[in-house]
Amino acid sequence: MSRGRLRYWALVLLGSVVATLGAGCGRPATRDECLAILDKSAELKLKEQKLSDPEQIAHRKKQLMDAKGEDLIGQCVGMRITEGALRCVQRAESPAAVDRCLY
């Protein structure tokens, strides 16, 4: 994945997480919760791009986390999240569904 494309997806994922978690209710998000949200979002976005091979998906997610993971996690941890939003993210079947969970 090119750096520009990686940067784009990192910003898309970060935007989703930050917009949602900044909503005000709930409690501060933990590192593990932020990792789970980012992982789910990345997986669904890659599947939306017609990637279905689990090894390719894992490789692309690792590239994203290696390049931008700590920045994304650092901006997410402590933002507000609810238990309902976390359950919704885990059930989501599309990137749009994840966004709806978090907004």
C-alpha atoms as a PDB file:
ATOM      1  CA  MET A   1       0.000   0.000   0.000  1.00  0.00           C
ATOM      2  CA  SER A   2       1.433   3.390  -0.927  1.00  0.00           C
ATOM      3  CA  ARG A   3       2.236   5.934   1.774  1.00  0.00           C
ATOM      4  CA  GLY A   4      -0.380   8.318   0.410  1.00  0.00           C
ATOM      5  CA  ARG A   5      -3.074   5.647   0.469  1.00  0.00           C
ATOM      6  CA  LEU A   6      -2.012   4.554   3.935  1.00  0.00           C
ATOM      7  CA  ARG A   7      -2.152   8.141   5.161  1.00  0.00           C
ATOM      8  CA  TYR A   8      -5.623   8.538   3.626  1.00  0.00           C
ATOM      9  CA  TRP A   9      -7.006   5.463   5.416  1.00  0.00           C
ATOM     10  CA  ALA A  10      -5.368   6.485   8.661  1.00  0.00           C
ATOM     11  CA  LEU A  11      -7.107   9.854   8.478  1.00  0.00           C
ATOM     12  CA  VAL A  12     -10.446   8.267   7.593  1.00  0.00           C
ATOM     13  CA  LEU A  13     -10.196   5.889  10.541  1.00  0.00           C
ATOM     14  CA  LEU A  14      -9.032   8.590  12.901  1.00  0.00           C
ATOM     15  CA  GLY A  15     -11.815  10.913  11.803  1.00  0.00           C
ATOM     16  CA  SER A  16     -14.423   8.273  12.522  1.00  0.00           C
ATOM     17  CA  VAL A  17     -13.036   7.449  15.933  1.00  0.00           C
ATOM     18  CA  VAL A  18     -12.401  11.016  17.077  1.00  0.00           C
ATOM     19  CA  ALA A  19     -15.743  12.347  15.859  1.00  0.00           C
ATOM     20  CA  THR A  20     -17.558   9.619  17.688  1.00  0.00           C
ATOM     21  CA  LEU A  21     -15.625   9.587  20.874  1.00  0.00           C
ATOM     22  CA  GLY A  22     -15.745  13.333  21.210  1.00  0.00           C
ATOM     23  CA  ALA A  23     -19.525  13.265  21.558  1.00  0.00           C
ATOM     24  CA  GLY A  24     -19.423  13.790  25.318  1.00  0.00           C
ATOM     25  CA  CYS A  25     -21.373  10.967  26.985  1.00  0.00           C
ATOM     26  CA  GLY A  26     -19.999   7.682  28.207  1.00  0.00           C
ATOM     27  CA  ARG A  27     -16.581   7.202  29.727  1.00  0.00           C
ATOM     28  CA  PRO A  28     -12.958   7.537  28.581  1.00  0.00           C
ATOM     29  CA  ALA A  29     -11.944   4.988  25.933  1.00  0.00           C
ATOM     30  CA  THR A  30      -9.121   2.623  26.821  1.00  0.00           C
ATOM     31  CA  ARG A  31      -6.204   1.677  24.591  1.00  0.00           C
ATOM     32  CA  ASP A  32      -7.692  -1.795  24.025  1.00  0.00           C
ATOM     33  CA  GLU A  33     -11.049  -0.304  23.019  1.00  0.00           C
ATOM     34  CA  CYS A  34      -9.385   2.072  20.583  1.00  0.00           C
ATOM     35  CA  LEU A  35      -7.383  -0.793  19.099  1.00  0.00           C
ATOM     36  CA  ALA A  36     -10.571  -2.819  18.660  1.00  0.00           C
ATOM     37  CA  ILE A  37     -12.361   0.068  16.921  1.00  0.00           C
ATOM     38  CA  LEU A  38      -9.438   0.763  14.600  1.00  0.00           C
ATOM     39  CA  ASP A  39      -8.991  -2.929  13.835  1.00  0.00           C
ATOM     40  CA  LYS A  40     -12.668  -3.405  12.973  1.00  0.00           C
ATOM     41  CA  SER A  41     -12.783  -0.230  10.883  1.00  0.00           C
ATOM     42  CA  ALA A  42      -9.669  -1.192   8.944  1.00  0.00           C
ATOM     43  CA  GLU A  43     -10.893  -4.738   8.320  1.00  0.00           C
ATOM     44  CA  LEU A  44     -14.258  -3.563   6.997  1.00  0.00           C
ATOM     45  CA  LYS A  45     -12.709  -0.888   4.789  1.00  0.00           C
ATOM     46  CA  LEU A  46     -10.350  -3.449   3.270  1.00  0.00           C
ATOM     47  CA  LYS A  47     -13.198  -5.896   2.672  1.00  0.00           C
ATOM     48  CA  GLU A  48     -15.138  -3.077   1.029  1.00  0.00           C
ATOM     49  CA  GLN A  49     -12.172  -2.810  -1.370  1.00  0.00           C
ATOM     50  CA  LYS A  50     -12.823  -6.473  -2.267  1.00  0.00           C
ATOM     51  CA  LEU A  51      -9.935  -7.854  -0.215  1.00  0.00           C
ATOM     52  CA  SER A  52     -11.076 -11.155   1.234  1.00  0.00           C
ATOM     53  CA  ASP A  53      -7.829 -13.025   1.851  1.00  0.00           C
ATOM     54  CA  PRO A  54      -7.274 -13.023   5.635  1.00  0.00           C
ATOM     55  CA  GLU A  55      -3.489 -12.905   5.177  1.00  0.00           C
ATOM     56  CA  GLN A  56      -3.696  -9.822   2.935  1.00  0.00           C
ATOM     57  CA  ILE A  57      -6.098  -8.134   5.329  1.00  0.00           C
ATOM     58  CA  ALA A  58      -3.803  -8.862   8.275  1.00  0.00           C
ATOM     59  CA  HIS A  59      -0.788  -7.582   6.319  1.00  0.00           C
ATOM     60  CA  ARG A  60      -2.519  -4.322   5.361  1.00  0.00           C
ATOM     61  CA  LYS A  61      -3.762  -3.747   8.902  1.00  0.00           C
ATOM     62  CA  LYS A  62      -0.223  -4.331  10.194  1.00  0.00           C
ATOM     63  CA  GLN A  63       1.112  -1.793   7.675  1.00  0.00           C
ATOM     64  CA  LEU A  64      -1.403   0.772   8.909  1.00  0.00           C
ATOM     65  CA  MET A  65      -0.613   0.112  12.562  1.00  0.00           C
ATOM     66  CA  ASP A  66       3.146   0.197  11.952  1.00  0.00           C
ATOM     67  CA  ALA A  67       2.866   3.500  10.084  1.00  0.00           C
ATOM     68  CA  LYS A  68       0.179   5.351  12.038  1.00  0.00           C
ATOM     69  CA  GLY A  69      -1.064   3.087  14.831  1.00  0.00           C
ATOM     70  CA  GLU A  70       0.462   4.824  17.816  1.00  0.00           C
ATOM     71  CA  ASP A  71      -0.652   8.250  16.581  1.00  0.00           C
ATOM     72  CA  LEU A  72      -4.201   6.995  15.996  1.00  0.00           C
ATOM     73  CA  ILE A  73      -4.353   5.238  19.353  1.00  0.00           C
ATOM     74  CA  GLY A  74      -2.888   8.245  21.154  1.00  0.00           C
ATOM     75  CA  GLN A  75      -5.586  10.501  19.730  1.00  0.00           C
ATOM     76  CA  CYS A  76      -8.326   8.022  20.615  1.00  0.00           C
ATOM     77  CA  VAL A  77      -7.459   6.988  24.184  1.00  0.00           C
ATOM     78  CA  GLY A  78      -9.395   9.046  26.710  1.00  0.00           C
ATOM     79  CA  MET A  79     -12.090  10.186  24.304  1.00  0.00           C
ATOM     80  CA  ARG A  80     -15.665   9.454  25.394  1.00  0.00           C
ATOM     81  CA  ILE A  81     -17.252   6.095  24.452  1.00  0.00           C
ATOM     82  CA  THR A  82     -20.295   4.118  25.539  1.00  0.00           C
ATOM     83  CA  GLU A  83     -20.688   0.370  25.981  1.00  0.00           C
ATOM     84  CA  GLY A  84     -23.491   0.450  23.428  1.00  0.00           C
ATOM     85  CA  ALA A  85     -21.228   2.023  20.826  1.00  0.00           C
ATOM     86  CA  LEU A  86     -18.561  -0.624  21.419  1.00  0.00           C
ATOM     87  CA  ARG A  87     -21.088  -3.458  21.032  1.00  0.00           C
ATOM     88  CA  CYS A  88     -22.400  -1.839  17.879  1.00  0.00           C
ATOM     89  CA  VAL A  89     -18.887  -1.595  16.383  1.00  0.00           C
ATOM     90  CA  GLN A  90     -18.308  -5.305  17.004  1.00  0.00           C
ATOM     91  CA  ARG A  91     -21.545  -6.192  15.148  1.00  0.00           C
ATOM     92  CA  ALA A  92     -20.959  -3.753  12.276  1.00  0.00           C
ATOM     93  CA  GLU A  93     -20.733  -5.254   8.796  1.00  0.00           C
ATOM     94  CA  SER A  94     -19.632  -2.162   6.854  1.00  0.00           C
ATOM     95  CA  PRO A  95     -17.545   0.973   7.375  1.00  0.00           C
ATOM     96  CA  ALA A  96     -20.737   3.034   7.267  1.00  0.00           C
ATOM     97  CA  ALA A  97     -22.216   0.897  10.044  1.00  0.00           C
ATOM     98  CA  VAL A  98     -19.147   1.545  12.215  1.00  0.00           C
ATOM     99  CA  ASP A  99     -19.559   5.268  11.609  1.00  0.00           C
ATOM    100  CA  ARG A 100     -23.228   5.083  12.620  1.00  0.00           C
ATOM    101  CA  CYS A 101     -22.227   3.286  15.832  1.00  0.00           C
ATOM    102  CA  LEU A 102     -19.875   6.063  16.770  1.00  0.00           C
ATOM    103  CA  TYR A 103     -21.875   9.150  15.799  1.00  0.00           C
END
